[in-house]
Amino acid sequence: MDDAHKITDVSVSTISTTPLRGTIEIDTPDSTIKFELNEDIALSICTRLEHFLTQEQQRKLNRARGSR
């Protein structure tokens, strides 16, 4: 992923609560990119980030169980 941009900041704002809609702004050193999101996309992002954040913890746990 040599062409990936470094994220320097992220902000989320609510546009409406019924239906749930908002914006997410992602800052990079070169620019700010703004996306509109709905509840389904927000839940998908959360699920993927949770997986990202827990995958190394799960690998360590599996290694520890394998060494018993």
C-alpha atoms as a PDB file:
ATOM      1  CA  MET A   1       0.000   0.000   0.000  1.00  0.00           C
ATOM      2  CA  ASP A   2       2.633   2.492  -1.048  1.00  0.00           C
ATOM      3  CA  ASP A   3       0.033   4.955  -2.276  1.00  0.00           C
ATOM      4  CA  ALA A   4      -1.840   5.119   1.064  1.00  0.00           C
ATOM      5  CA  HIS A   5      -2.201   8.541   2.611  1.00  0.00           C
ATOM      6  CA  LYS A   6      -1.359   9.107   6.267  1.00  0.00           C
ATOM      7  CA  ILE A   7      -4.403  10.101   8.347  1.00  0.00           C
ATOM      8  CA  THR A   8      -3.617  12.972  10.688  1.00  0.00           C
ATOM      9  CA  ASP A   9      -7.082  13.532  12.161  1.00  0.00           C
ATOM     10  CA  VAL A  10     -10.684  12.355  11.886  1.00  0.00           C
ATOM     11  CA  SER A  11     -13.864  14.155  12.862  1.00  0.00           C
ATOM     12  CA  VAL A  12     -17.484  13.013  12.758  1.00  0.00           C
ATOM     13  CA  SER A  13     -20.535  15.292  12.767  1.00  0.00           C
ATOM     14  CA  THR A  14     -24.253  14.511  12.861  1.00  0.00           C
ATOM     15  CA  ILE A  15     -26.461  15.938  10.107  1.00  0.00           C
ATOM     16  CA  SER A  16     -29.725  14.359  11.284  1.00  0.00           C
ATOM     17  CA  THR A  17     -30.861  11.780  13.810  1.00  0.00           C
ATOM     18  CA  THR A  18     -33.926  10.500  11.923  1.00  0.00           C
ATOM     19  CA  PRO A  19     -32.707   8.942   9.746  1.00  0.00           C
ATOM     20  CA  LEU A  20     -29.226   8.909  11.221  1.00  0.00           C
ATOM     21  CA  ARG A  21     -26.851  10.677   8.836  1.00  0.00           C
ATOM     22  CA  GLY A  22     -23.599  12.498   9.303  1.00  0.00           C
ATOM     23  CA  THR A  23     -20.268  13.440   7.849  1.00  0.00           C
ATOM     24  CA  ILE A  24     -16.798  12.152   8.474  1.00  0.00           C
ATOM     25  CA  GLU A  25     -13.808  14.330   7.653  1.00  0.00           C
ATOM     26  CA  ILE A  26     -10.436  12.705   7.236  1.00  0.00           C
ATOM     27  CA  ASP A  27      -7.412  14.987   7.350  1.00  0.00           C
ATOM     28  CA  THR A  28      -4.142  14.120   5.641  1.00  0.00           C
ATOM     29  CA  PRO A  29      -0.980  16.218   5.427  1.00  0.00           C
ATOM     30  CA  ASP A  30      -2.110  17.379   1.974  1.00  0.00           C
ATOM     31  CA  SER A  31      -5.875  17.754   2.218  1.00  0.00           C
ATOM     32  CA  THR A  32      -9.153  17.132   4.011  1.00  0.00           C
ATOM     33  CA  ILE A  33     -11.637  14.696   2.531  1.00  0.00           C
ATOM     34  CA  LYS A  34     -15.282  14.869   3.588  1.00  0.00           C
ATOM     35  CA  PHE A  35     -17.718  11.952   3.249  1.00  0.00           C
ATOM     36  CA  GLU A  36     -21.407  11.656   4.041  1.00  0.00           C
ATOM     37  CA  LEU A  37     -22.368   8.527   5.939  1.00  0.00           C
ATOM     38  CA  ASN A  38     -25.495   6.802   7.157  1.00  0.00           C
ATOM     39  CA  GLU A  39     -26.071   4.406  10.032  1.00  0.00           C
ATOM     40  CA  ASP A  40     -25.337   1.288   7.954  1.00  0.00           C
ATOM     41  CA  ILE A  41     -21.979   2.610   6.758  1.00  0.00           C
ATOM     42  CA  ALA A  42     -21.094   3.829  10.274  1.00  0.00           C
ATOM     43  CA  LEU A  43     -21.801   0.366  11.714  1.00  0.00           C
ATOM     44  CA  SER A  44     -19.722  -1.242   8.969  1.00  0.00           C
ATOM     45  CA  ILE A  45     -16.789   1.074   9.724  1.00  0.00           C
ATOM     46  CA  CYS A  46     -17.090   0.285  13.448  1.00  0.00           C
ATOM     47  CA  THR A  47     -17.095  -3.462  12.790  1.00  0.00           C
ATOM     48  CA  ARG A  48     -14.033  -3.263  10.555  1.00  0.00           C
ATOM     49  CA  LEU A  49     -12.133  -1.042  12.995  1.00  0.00           C
ATOM     50  CA  GLU A  50     -12.988  -3.384  15.882  1.00  0.00           C
ATOM     51  CA  HIS A  51     -11.587  -6.282  13.862  1.00  0.00           C
ATOM     52  CA  PHE A  52      -8.466  -4.257  13.054  1.00  0.00           C
ATOM     53  CA  LEU A  53      -7.952  -3.331  16.711  1.00  0.00           C
ATOM     54  CA  THR A  54      -8.444  -6.839  18.079  1.00  0.00           C
ATOM     55  CA  GLN A  55      -6.681  -9.014  15.505  1.00  0.00           C
ATOM     56  CA  GLU A  56      -3.209  -8.718  17.095  1.00  0.00           C
ATOM     57  CA  GLN A  57      -4.640  -9.375  20.561  1.00  0.00           C
ATOM     58  CA  GLN A  58      -6.321 -12.508  19.174  1.00  0.00           C
ATOM     59  CA  ARG A  59      -3.038 -13.700  17.583  1.00  0.00           C
ATOM     60  CA  LYS A  60      -1.232 -13.304  20.915  1.00  0.00           C
ATOM     61  CA  LEU A  61      -3.983 -15.183  22.719  1.00  0.00           C
ATOM     62  CA  ASN A  62      -3.848 -18.002  20.168  1.00  0.00           C
ATOM     63  CA  ARG A  63      -0.037 -18.217  20.502  1.00  0.00           C
ATOM     64  CA  ALA A  64      -0.328 -18.369  24.291  1.00  0.00           C
ATOM     65  CA  ARG A  65      -2.897 -21.163  24.082  1.00  0.00           C
ATOM     66  CA  GLY A  66      -0.721 -23.081  21.624  1.00  0.00           C
ATOM     67  CA  SER A  67       2.289 -23.041  23.961  1.00  0.00           C
ATOM     68  CA  ARG A  68       0.464 -24.850  26.764  1.00  0.00           C
END
